[in-house]
Amino acid sequence: MARASQQDNGKDWFTPGKQMVVHSMAEGVFMEDILTFSRCDKIAILRLPERLGKQTEQKVQVGSMETPDFSPEEERIYQALKGGDTVASKNAIAQAKRLALAHLGYAYDFGFDFETHKSFSCTEFIYFIYRCVCPFVDIKLVEQSILFLSKKVLRPDDFLGTGLQQIIVKK
């Protein structure tokens, strides 16, 4: 007889372990377990397509994008996609994980300044760690007016209309 926490095929429904999320909130960039992270009123789980490539490149003009200071691996991914090659999403995800872990402890960006990388708002952090693939899945900053000031930002809902696959959207 299977335990109550197991499916019919013997796999655990909930496997305790190392499932962690790195994200940015008022406390800054930090890591917490996925169950704590998921305790919220609304959530969207999005993922990159399995392969990034030519079909996504045509959504934006990549040549007009100012290239940020990429690491060598980010540059390799970006240039491959820009040149029309395909890249496995697992390569972009591995690079994003490295960037996320390297930025643990950074402060929260209450000014929502997407131009600098000394602190991060929630969406700014995701944009930063996936910056080498953002143009290829149509993730781009949007001009917003905030308190009579205009700046380019990325709101959480802006991710929904992109080339990311929607796995779960709980409104």
N, C-alpha and C. Protein backbone atom coordinates (compact mmCIF):
# COMPACT_ATOMS: atom_id res chain seq x y z
N MET A 1 0.84 -1.18 0.00
CA MET A 1 0.00 0.00 0.00
C MET A 1 0.89 1.24 0.00
N ALA A 2 0.55 2.19 -0.86
CA ALA A 2 1.35 3.41 -0.97
C ALA A 2 1.04 4.36 0.17
N ARG A 3 2.08 5.10 0.54
CA ARG A 3 1.87 6.13 1.56
C ARG A 3 0.93 7.21 0.99
N ALA A 4 0.31 7.96 1.87
CA ALA A 4 -0.62 9.00 1.43
C ALA A 4 0.08 10.06 0.60
N SER A 5 1.38 10.22 0.79
CA SER A 5 2.10 11.25 0.04
C SER A 5 2.68 10.73 -1.27
N GLN A 6 2.30 9.50 -1.66
CA GLN A 6 2.83 8.95 -2.90
C GLN A 6 1.74 8.80 -3.94
N GLN A 7 2.15 8.98 -5.21
CA GLN A 7 1.24 8.73 -6.32
C GLN A 7 1.17 7.22 -6.53
N ASP A 8 0.29 6.78 -7.42
CA ASP A 8 0.17 5.36 -7.73
C ASP A 8 1.46 4.76 -8.27
N ASN A 9 2.26 5.58 -8.96
CA ASN A 9 3.50 5.06 -9.54
C ASN A 9 4.66 5.07 -8.55
N GLY A 10 4.40 5.40 -7.29
CA GLY A 10 5.43 5.37 -6.25
C GLY A 10 6.20 6.66 -6.07
N LYS A 11 6.00 7.65 -6.95
CA LYS A 11 6.71 8.91 -6.80
C LYS A 11 6.05 9.75 -5.71
N ASP A 12 6.87 10.47 -4.96
CA ASP A 12 6.32 11.35 -3.93
C ASP A 12 5.63 12.55 -4.55
N TRP A 13 4.49 12.91 -3.98
CA TRP A 13 3.81 14.15 -4.38
C TRP A 13 4.67 15.33 -3.96
N PHE A 14 5.14 15.29 -2.74
CA PHE A 14 5.96 16.35 -2.18
C PHE A 14 7.27 15.74 -1.70
N THR A 15 8.34 16.08 -2.34
CA THR A 15 9.62 15.54 -1.97
C THR A 15 10.40 16.61 -1.23
N PRO A 16 10.64 16.42 0.06
CA PRO A 16 11.45 17.41 0.77
C PRO A 16 12.87 17.38 0.21
N GLY A 17 13.47 18.53 0.18
CA GLY A 17 14.82 18.56 -0.36
C GLY A 17 15.30 19.95 -0.62
N LYS A 18 16.03 20.10 -1.71
CA LYS A 18 16.75 21.34 -1.99
C LYS A 18 16.03 22.25 -2.97
N GLN A 19 14.70 22.16 -3.08
CA GLN A 19 13.99 23.01 -4.02
C GLN A 19 13.95 24.43 -3.45
N MET A 20 14.80 25.28 -4.00
CA MET A 20 14.93 26.64 -3.49
C MET A 20 14.68 27.63 -4.62
N VAL A 21 14.29 28.83 -4.24
CA VAL A 21 14.03 29.91 -5.18
C VAL A 21 14.89 31.10 -4.76
N VAL A 22 15.57 31.71 -5.70
CA VAL A 22 16.30 32.95 -5.45
C VAL A 22 15.46 34.05 -6.07
N HIS A 23 15.13 35.06 -5.28
CA HIS A 23 14.32 36.17 -5.80
C HIS A 23 14.59 37.43 -5.01
N SER A 24 13.97 38.53 -5.41
CA SER A 24 14.20 39.81 -4.77
C SER A 24 12.87 40.37 -4.25
N MET A 25 12.90 40.75 -3.00
CA MET A 25 11.77 41.44 -2.34
C MET A 25 12.37 42.57 -1.52
N ALA A 26 11.57 43.21 -0.70
CA ALA A 26 12.04 44.35 0.09
C ALA A 26 13.30 44.03 0.90
N GLU A 27 13.46 42.77 1.27
CA GLU A 27 14.64 42.36 2.04
C GLU A 27 15.89 42.28 1.17
N GLY A 28 15.73 42.37 -0.14
CA GLY A 28 16.84 42.26 -1.08
C GLY A 28 16.78 40.92 -1.80
N VAL A 29 17.90 40.53 -2.39
CA VAL A 29 17.99 39.25 -3.11
C VAL A 29 18.32 38.18 -2.09
N PHE A 30 17.45 37.16 -2.01
CA PHE A 30 17.66 36.09 -1.03
C PHE A 30 17.10 34.78 -1.57
N MET A 31 17.38 33.71 -0.83
CA MET A 31 16.94 32.38 -1.22
C MET A 31 16.00 31.84 -0.15
N GLU A 32 14.94 31.17 -0.60
CA GLU A 32 14.03 30.51 0.34
C GLU A 32 13.46 29.26 -0.31
N ASP A 33 12.90 28.38 0.51
CA ASP A 33 12.36 27.14 -0.03
C ASP A 33 11.13 27.44 -0.89
N ILE A 34 10.87 26.57 -1.82
CA ILE A 34 9.82 26.82 -2.81
C ILE A 34 8.42 26.84 -2.18
N LEU A 35 8.20 26.08 -1.12
CA LEU A 35 6.87 26.09 -0.48
C LEU A 35 6.59 27.44 0.18
N THR A 36 7.59 28.01 0.84
CA THR A 36 7.42 29.33 1.44
C THR A 36 7.21 30.37 0.34
N PHE A 37 8.00 30.28 -0.72
CA PHE A 37 7.90 31.21 -1.84
C PHE A 37 6.50 31.17 -2.47
N SER A 38 5.90 29.99 -2.52
CA SER A 38 4.61 29.81 -3.20
C SER A 38 3.41 30.23 -2.37
N ARG A 39 3.62 30.62 -1.15
CA ARG A 39 2.49 31.08 -0.30
C ARG A 39 2.14 32.51 -0.68
N CYS A 40 1.24 32.64 -1.64
CA CYS A 40 0.85 33.96 -2.13
C CYS A 40 -0.56 33.87 -2.70
N ASP A 41 -1.13 35.03 -2.97
CA ASP A 41 -2.48 35.08 -3.53
C ASP A 41 -2.51 34.79 -5.02
N LYS A 42 -1.46 35.23 -5.73
CA LYS A 42 -1.39 35.05 -7.17
C LYS A 42 -0.01 34.55 -7.53
N ILE A 43 0.04 33.68 -8.53
CA ILE A 43 1.34 33.16 -8.98
C ILE A 43 1.24 32.79 -10.45
N ALA A 44 2.33 33.00 -11.16
CA ALA A 44 2.46 32.55 -12.55
C ALA A 44 3.77 31.79 -12.64
N ILE A 45 3.71 30.60 -13.20
CA ILE A 45 4.92 29.82 -13.42
C ILE A 45 5.12 29.77 -14.92
N LEU A 46 6.22 30.36 -15.35
CA LEU A 46 6.55 30.47 -16.77
C LEU A 46 7.89 29.79 -17.00
N ARG A 47 8.10 29.30 -18.20
CA ARG A 47 9.41 28.71 -18.50
C ARG A 47 9.81 29.05 -19.93
N LEU A 48 11.09 28.97 -20.15
CA LEU A 48 11.62 29.17 -21.49
C LEU A 48 11.18 28.01 -22.38
N PRO A 49 11.02 28.25 -23.68
CA PRO A 49 10.80 27.12 -24.59
C PRO A 49 12.00 26.18 -24.48
N GLU A 50 11.80 24.91 -24.79
CA GLU A 50 12.88 23.93 -24.66
C GLU A 50 14.10 24.33 -25.48
N ARG A 51 13.86 24.87 -26.66
CA ARG A 51 14.95 25.39 -27.50
C ARG A 51 14.63 26.82 -27.89
N LEU A 52 15.64 27.66 -27.78
CA LEU A 52 15.52 29.04 -28.21
C LEU A 52 16.15 29.15 -29.58
N GLY A 53 15.55 29.93 -30.46
CA GLY A 53 16.14 30.03 -31.78
C GLY A 53 15.48 31.01 -32.69
N LYS A 54 15.58 30.73 -33.97
CA LYS A 54 15.16 31.64 -35.02
C LYS A 54 13.71 32.10 -34.87
N GLN A 55 12.82 31.19 -34.49
CA GLN A 55 11.41 31.56 -34.39
C GLN A 55 11.19 32.65 -33.34
N THR A 56 12.01 32.70 -32.31
CA THR A 56 11.83 33.72 -31.29
C THR A 56 12.62 34.98 -31.61
N GLU A 57 13.70 34.84 -32.38
CA GLU A 57 14.54 36.00 -32.70
C GLU A 57 13.78 37.07 -33.47
N GLN A 58 12.82 36.67 -34.29
CA GLN A 58 12.15 37.61 -35.16
C GLN A 58 11.18 38.53 -34.42
N LYS A 59 10.94 38.31 -33.15
CA LYS A 59 9.97 39.12 -32.42
C LYS A 59 10.47 40.53 -32.12
N VAL A 60 11.77 40.70 -31.98
CA VAL A 60 12.34 42.02 -31.68
C VAL A 60 13.56 42.24 -32.56
N GLN A 61 13.93 43.49 -32.71
CA GLN A 61 15.15 43.81 -33.43
C GLN A 61 16.31 43.72 -32.46
N VAL A 62 17.04 42.65 -32.53
CA VAL A 62 18.12 42.41 -31.60
C VAL A 62 19.27 43.37 -31.84
N GLY A 63 19.52 43.74 -33.07
CA GLY A 63 20.64 44.61 -33.40
C GLY A 63 20.57 45.97 -32.73
N SER A 64 19.38 46.43 -32.38
CA SER A 64 19.24 47.75 -31.77
C SER A 64 19.43 47.71 -30.25
N MET A 65 19.54 46.51 -29.69
CA MET A 65 19.70 46.39 -28.24
C MET A 65 21.12 46.74 -27.83
N GLU A 66 21.24 47.57 -26.80
CA GLU A 66 22.56 47.82 -26.24
C GLU A 66 23.00 46.57 -25.52
N THR A 67 24.15 46.06 -25.89
CA THR A 67 24.63 44.83 -25.26
C THR A 67 25.22 45.16 -23.89
N PRO A 68 24.65 44.60 -22.84
CA PRO A 68 25.23 44.82 -21.51
C PRO A 68 26.53 44.06 -21.36
N ASP A 69 27.20 44.24 -20.24
CA ASP A 69 28.44 43.52 -19.97
C ASP A 69 28.10 42.07 -19.67
N PHE A 70 28.17 41.24 -20.68
CA PHE A 70 27.87 39.82 -20.53
C PHE A 70 29.11 39.07 -20.04
N SER A 71 28.87 37.99 -19.33
CA SER A 71 29.94 37.04 -19.03
C SER A 71 30.25 36.32 -20.35
N PRO A 72 31.38 35.62 -20.44
CA PRO A 72 31.67 34.89 -21.68
C PRO A 72 30.57 33.90 -22.08
N GLU A 73 29.98 33.20 -21.12
CA GLU A 73 28.91 32.24 -21.44
C GLU A 73 27.64 32.96 -21.91
N GLU A 74 27.30 34.08 -21.27
CA GLU A 74 26.14 34.86 -21.74
C GLU A 74 26.38 35.37 -23.16
N GLU A 75 27.58 35.84 -23.41
CA GLU A 75 27.92 36.36 -24.74
C GLU A 75 27.80 35.25 -25.79
N ARG A 76 28.25 34.04 -25.45
CA ARG A 76 28.17 32.91 -26.37
C ARG A 76 26.71 32.60 -26.71
N ILE A 77 25.85 32.57 -25.68
CA ILE A 77 24.42 32.29 -25.89
C ILE A 77 23.78 33.39 -26.72
N TYR A 78 24.04 34.64 -26.35
CA TYR A 78 23.46 35.79 -27.05
C TYR A 78 23.87 35.81 -28.53
N GLN A 79 25.16 35.64 -28.78
CA GLN A 79 25.66 35.69 -30.16
C GLN A 79 25.13 34.52 -31.00
N ALA A 80 25.01 33.35 -30.38
CA ALA A 80 24.46 32.20 -31.10
C ALA A 80 23.02 32.49 -31.53
N LEU A 81 22.23 33.01 -30.61
CA LEU A 81 20.83 33.31 -30.93
C LEU A 81 20.73 34.44 -31.94
N LYS A 82 21.54 35.46 -31.77
CA LYS A 82 21.54 36.59 -32.70
C LYS A 82 21.92 36.13 -34.10
N GLY A 83 22.83 35.15 -34.19
CA GLY A 83 23.27 34.63 -35.48
C GLY A 83 22.30 33.63 -36.09
N GLY A 84 21.20 33.30 -35.40
CA GLY A 84 20.20 32.41 -35.97
C GLY A 84 20.33 30.96 -35.53
N ASP A 85 21.30 30.66 -34.68
CA ASP A 85 21.44 29.29 -34.17
C ASP A 85 20.38 29.03 -33.10
N THR A 86 20.22 27.76 -32.74
CA THR A 86 19.35 27.42 -31.63
C THR A 86 20.21 27.11 -30.41
N VAL A 87 19.62 27.34 -29.25
CA VAL A 87 20.30 27.09 -27.98
C VAL A 87 19.31 26.36 -27.07
N ALA A 88 19.78 25.33 -26.40
CA ALA A 88 18.92 24.63 -25.44
C ALA A 88 18.65 25.54 -24.25
N SER A 89 17.41 25.59 -23.81
CA SER A 89 17.07 26.46 -22.68
C SER A 89 17.85 26.08 -21.43
N LYS A 90 18.24 24.80 -21.29
CA LYS A 90 18.99 24.39 -20.10
C LYS A 90 20.30 25.15 -19.99
N ASN A 91 20.89 25.57 -21.11
CA ASN A 91 22.13 26.36 -21.07
C ASN A 91 21.86 27.76 -20.51
N ALA A 92 20.76 28.37 -20.95
CA ALA A 92 20.40 29.69 -20.45
C ALA A 92 20.01 29.61 -18.97
N ILE A 93 19.32 28.55 -18.59
CA ILE A 93 18.91 28.37 -17.19
C ILE A 93 20.12 28.19 -16.30
N ALA A 94 21.10 27.40 -16.75
CA ALA A 94 22.32 27.20 -15.96
C ALA A 94 23.04 28.53 -15.75
N GLN A 95 23.09 29.35 -16.78
CA GLN A 95 23.73 30.66 -16.66
C GLN A 95 22.93 31.56 -15.71
N ALA A 96 21.62 31.52 -15.80
CA ALA A 96 20.78 32.33 -14.91
C ALA A 96 20.97 31.91 -13.45
N LYS A 97 21.09 30.61 -13.21
CA LYS A 97 21.33 30.13 -11.84
C LYS A 97 22.64 30.67 -11.29
N ARG A 98 23.70 30.64 -12.13
CA ARG A 98 25.00 31.17 -11.69
C ARG A 98 24.90 32.65 -11.33
N LEU A 99 24.21 33.41 -12.18
CA LEU A 99 24.05 34.84 -11.89
C LEU A 99 23.22 35.07 -10.64
N ALA A 100 22.15 34.31 -10.48
CA ALA A 100 21.27 34.46 -9.31
C ALA A 100 22.05 34.21 -8.02
N LEU A 101 22.78 33.12 -7.98
CA LEU A 101 23.54 32.79 -6.76
C LEU A 101 24.64 33.80 -6.50
N ALA A 102 25.23 34.34 -7.54
CA ALA A 102 26.30 35.34 -7.38
C ALA A 102 25.76 36.67 -6.84
N HIS A 103 24.46 36.88 -6.94
CA HIS A 103 23.88 38.16 -6.49
C HIS A 103 23.07 38.05 -5.20
N LEU A 104 23.17 36.92 -4.52
CA LEU A 104 22.53 36.80 -3.20
C LEU A 104 23.05 37.90 -2.29
N GLY A 105 22.15 38.52 -1.55
CA GLY A 105 22.55 39.56 -0.61
C GLY A 105 22.50 40.97 -1.16
N TYR A 106 22.29 41.12 -2.46
CA TYR A 106 22.17 42.47 -3.02
C TYR A 106 20.90 43.13 -2.48
N ALA A 107 20.92 44.44 -2.39
CA ALA A 107 19.79 45.20 -1.85
C ALA A 107 18.63 45.25 -2.84
N TYR A 108 17.44 45.60 -2.34
CA TYR A 108 16.27 45.79 -3.18
C TYR A 108 16.35 47.16 -3.83
N ASP A 109 15.90 47.25 -5.06
CA ASP A 109 15.93 48.51 -5.81
C ASP A 109 14.58 49.20 -5.70
N PHE A 110 14.43 50.04 -4.68
CA PHE A 110 13.18 50.76 -4.49
C PHE A 110 12.98 51.85 -5.54
N GLY A 111 14.03 52.22 -6.25
CA GLY A 111 13.94 53.24 -7.30
C GLY A 111 13.63 52.65 -8.67
N PHE A 112 13.58 51.32 -8.77
CA PHE A 112 13.28 50.62 -10.02
C PHE A 112 14.17 51.11 -11.16
N ASP A 113 15.47 51.18 -10.89
CA ASP A 113 16.44 51.64 -11.86
C ASP A 113 17.01 50.43 -12.60
N PHE A 114 16.49 50.16 -13.78
CA PHE A 114 16.91 49.00 -14.57
C PHE A 114 18.23 49.25 -15.30
N GLU A 115 18.79 50.44 -15.16
CA GLU A 115 20.05 50.77 -15.84
C GLU A 115 21.28 50.30 -15.05
N THR A 116 21.16 50.22 -13.73
CA THR A 116 22.30 49.81 -12.91
C THR A 116 22.02 48.43 -12.33
N HIS A 117 23.07 47.79 -11.84
CA HIS A 117 22.91 46.44 -11.30
C HIS A 117 23.51 46.34 -9.90
N LYS A 118 23.27 47.38 -9.11
CA LYS A 118 23.76 47.40 -7.72
C LYS A 118 22.68 46.96 -6.75
N SER A 119 21.45 46.97 -7.20
CA SER A 119 20.29 46.53 -6.43
C SER A 119 19.23 46.11 -7.44
N PHE A 120 18.24 45.31 -6.98
CA PHE A 120 17.28 44.72 -7.91
C PHE A 120 15.87 44.72 -7.35
N SER A 121 14.91 45.18 -8.17
CA SER A 121 13.50 44.94 -7.86
C SER A 121 13.20 43.50 -8.27
N CYS A 122 12.00 43.03 -8.00
CA CYS A 122 11.68 41.62 -8.29
C CYS A 122 11.79 41.30 -9.78
N THR A 123 11.17 42.10 -10.62
CA THR A 123 11.21 41.83 -12.06
C THR A 123 12.57 42.18 -12.66
N GLU A 124 13.21 43.17 -12.11
CA GLU A 124 14.54 43.56 -12.57
C GLU A 124 15.54 42.42 -12.37
N PHE A 125 15.40 41.68 -11.29
CA PHE A 125 16.30 40.56 -11.01
C PHE A 125 16.14 39.47 -12.07
N ILE A 126 14.90 39.12 -12.41
CA ILE A 126 14.65 38.11 -13.43
C ILE A 126 15.17 38.59 -14.78
N TYR A 127 14.90 39.84 -15.11
CA TYR A 127 15.38 40.41 -16.37
C TYR A 127 16.91 40.36 -16.42
N PHE A 128 17.56 40.66 -15.32
CA PHE A 128 19.02 40.67 -15.27
C PHE A 128 19.61 39.27 -15.44
N ILE A 129 19.09 38.28 -14.73
CA ILE A 129 19.72 36.96 -14.81
C ILE A 129 19.44 36.25 -16.13
N TYR A 130 18.39 36.66 -16.84
CA TYR A 130 18.08 36.08 -18.15
C TYR A 130 18.35 37.06 -19.28
N ARG A 131 19.11 38.08 -19.05
CA ARG A 131 19.30 39.17 -20.02
C ARG A 131 19.83 38.72 -21.37
N CYS A 132 20.60 37.64 -21.43
CA CYS A 132 21.16 37.21 -22.72
C CYS A 132 20.10 36.56 -23.62
N VAL A 133 18.95 36.15 -23.07
CA VAL A 133 17.90 35.55 -23.90
C VAL A 133 16.63 36.40 -23.95
N CYS A 134 16.54 37.42 -23.14
CA CYS A 134 15.32 38.24 -23.10
C CYS A 134 14.86 38.74 -24.48
N PRO A 135 15.77 39.26 -25.32
CA PRO A 135 15.29 39.74 -26.63
C PRO A 135 14.70 38.64 -27.50
N PHE A 136 15.07 37.41 -27.25
CA PHE A 136 14.65 36.30 -28.10
C PHE A 136 13.34 35.66 -27.65
N VAL A 137 12.83 36.07 -26.50
CA VAL A 137 11.51 35.62 -26.05
C VAL A 137 10.60 36.83 -25.79
N ASP A 138 10.98 37.96 -26.41
CA ASP A 138 10.17 39.18 -26.40
C ASP A 138 9.98 39.78 -25.01
N ILE A 139 10.97 39.61 -24.14
CA ILE A 139 10.93 40.29 -22.84
C ILE A 139 11.69 41.59 -23.01
N LYS A 140 10.98 42.69 -22.86
CA LYS A 140 11.62 43.99 -23.04
C LYS A 140 11.06 44.99 -22.04
N LEU A 141 11.88 45.97 -21.75
CA LEU A 141 11.46 47.02 -20.84
C LEU A 141 10.38 47.88 -21.51
N VAL A 142 9.46 48.36 -20.69
CA VAL A 142 8.34 49.15 -21.19
C VAL A 142 8.39 50.52 -20.53
N GLU A 143 8.18 51.56 -21.32
CA GLU A 143 8.17 52.93 -20.80
C GLU A 143 6.96 53.12 -19.89
N GLN A 144 7.19 53.54 -18.66
CA GLN A 144 6.12 53.75 -17.69
C GLN A 144 6.27 55.12 -17.04
N SER A 145 5.15 55.74 -16.74
CA SER A 145 5.16 57.00 -16.00
C SER A 145 4.85 56.69 -14.55
N ILE A 146 5.76 57.08 -13.68
CA ILE A 146 5.60 56.87 -12.24
C ILE A 146 5.84 58.20 -11.55
N LEU A 147 4.79 58.73 -10.92
CA LEU A 147 4.90 60.01 -10.22
C LEU A 147 5.51 61.09 -11.09
N PHE A 148 4.98 61.28 -12.28
CA PHE A 148 5.40 62.30 -13.23
C PHE A 148 6.79 62.07 -13.81
N LEU A 149 7.39 60.94 -13.53
CA LEU A 149 8.67 60.58 -14.11
C LEU A 149 8.44 59.43 -15.08
N SER A 150 9.19 59.41 -16.15
CA SER A 150 9.05 58.35 -17.12
C SER A 150 10.34 57.54 -17.13
N LYS A 151 10.20 56.23 -17.03
CA LYS A 151 11.37 55.36 -17.09
C LYS A 151 10.98 54.02 -17.65
N LYS A 152 11.98 53.28 -18.11
CA LYS A 152 11.73 51.94 -18.65
C LYS A 152 11.81 50.94 -17.51
N VAL A 153 10.74 50.17 -17.37
CA VAL A 153 10.64 49.16 -16.31
C VAL A 153 10.01 47.90 -16.88
N LEU A 154 9.86 46.91 -16.03
CA LEU A 154 9.22 45.66 -16.40
C LEU A 154 8.29 45.28 -15.25
N ARG A 155 6.99 45.29 -15.51
CA ARG A 155 6.02 44.90 -14.49
C ARG A 155 5.82 43.39 -14.52
N PRO A 156 5.39 42.79 -13.43
CA PRO A 156 5.19 41.34 -13.43
C PRO A 156 4.28 40.86 -14.55
N ASP A 157 3.20 41.55 -14.83
CA ASP A 157 2.27 41.13 -15.88
C ASP A 157 2.88 41.21 -17.29
N ASP A 158 3.95 41.99 -17.45
CA ASP A 158 4.58 42.10 -18.75
C ASP A 158 5.19 40.77 -19.22
N PHE A 159 5.47 39.86 -18.30
CA PHE A 159 6.03 38.56 -18.67
C PHE A 159 4.98 37.66 -19.35
N LEU A 160 3.71 37.93 -19.09
CA LEU A 160 2.65 37.04 -19.61
C LEU A 160 2.48 37.12 -21.12
N GLY A 161 2.77 38.25 -21.72
CA GLY A 161 2.59 38.41 -23.16
C GLY A 161 3.86 38.16 -23.95
N THR A 162 4.74 37.31 -23.44
CA THR A 162 6.03 37.06 -24.08
C THR A 162 6.08 35.66 -24.69
N GLY A 163 7.26 35.27 -25.12
CA GLY A 163 7.46 33.94 -25.69
C GLY A 163 7.71 32.86 -24.66
N LEU A 164 7.46 33.16 -23.39
CA LEU A 164 7.60 32.16 -22.33
C LEU A 164 6.38 31.25 -22.32
N GLN A 165 6.59 30.00 -21.98
CA GLN A 165 5.47 29.07 -21.87
C GLN A 165 4.79 29.24 -20.53
N GLN A 166 3.47 29.38 -20.55
CA GLN A 166 2.70 29.50 -19.31
C GLN A 166 2.38 28.11 -18.79
N ILE A 167 2.92 27.79 -17.63
CA ILE A 167 2.69 26.49 -17.02
C ILE A 167 1.49 26.60 -16.08
N ILE A 168 1.53 27.57 -15.19
CA ILE A 168 0.43 27.81 -14.25
C ILE A 168 0.26 29.32 -14.10
N VAL A 169 -0.97 29.79 -14.19
CA VAL A 169 -1.28 31.18 -13.88
C VAL A 169 -2.46 31.16 -12.94
N LYS A 170 -2.23 31.51 -11.68
CA LYS A 170 -3.29 31.53 -10.67
C LYS A 170 -3.60 32.99 -10.37
N LYS A 171 -4.79 33.43 -10.77
CA LYS A 171 -5.15 34.84 -10.59
C LYS A 171 -5.96 35.06 -9.34
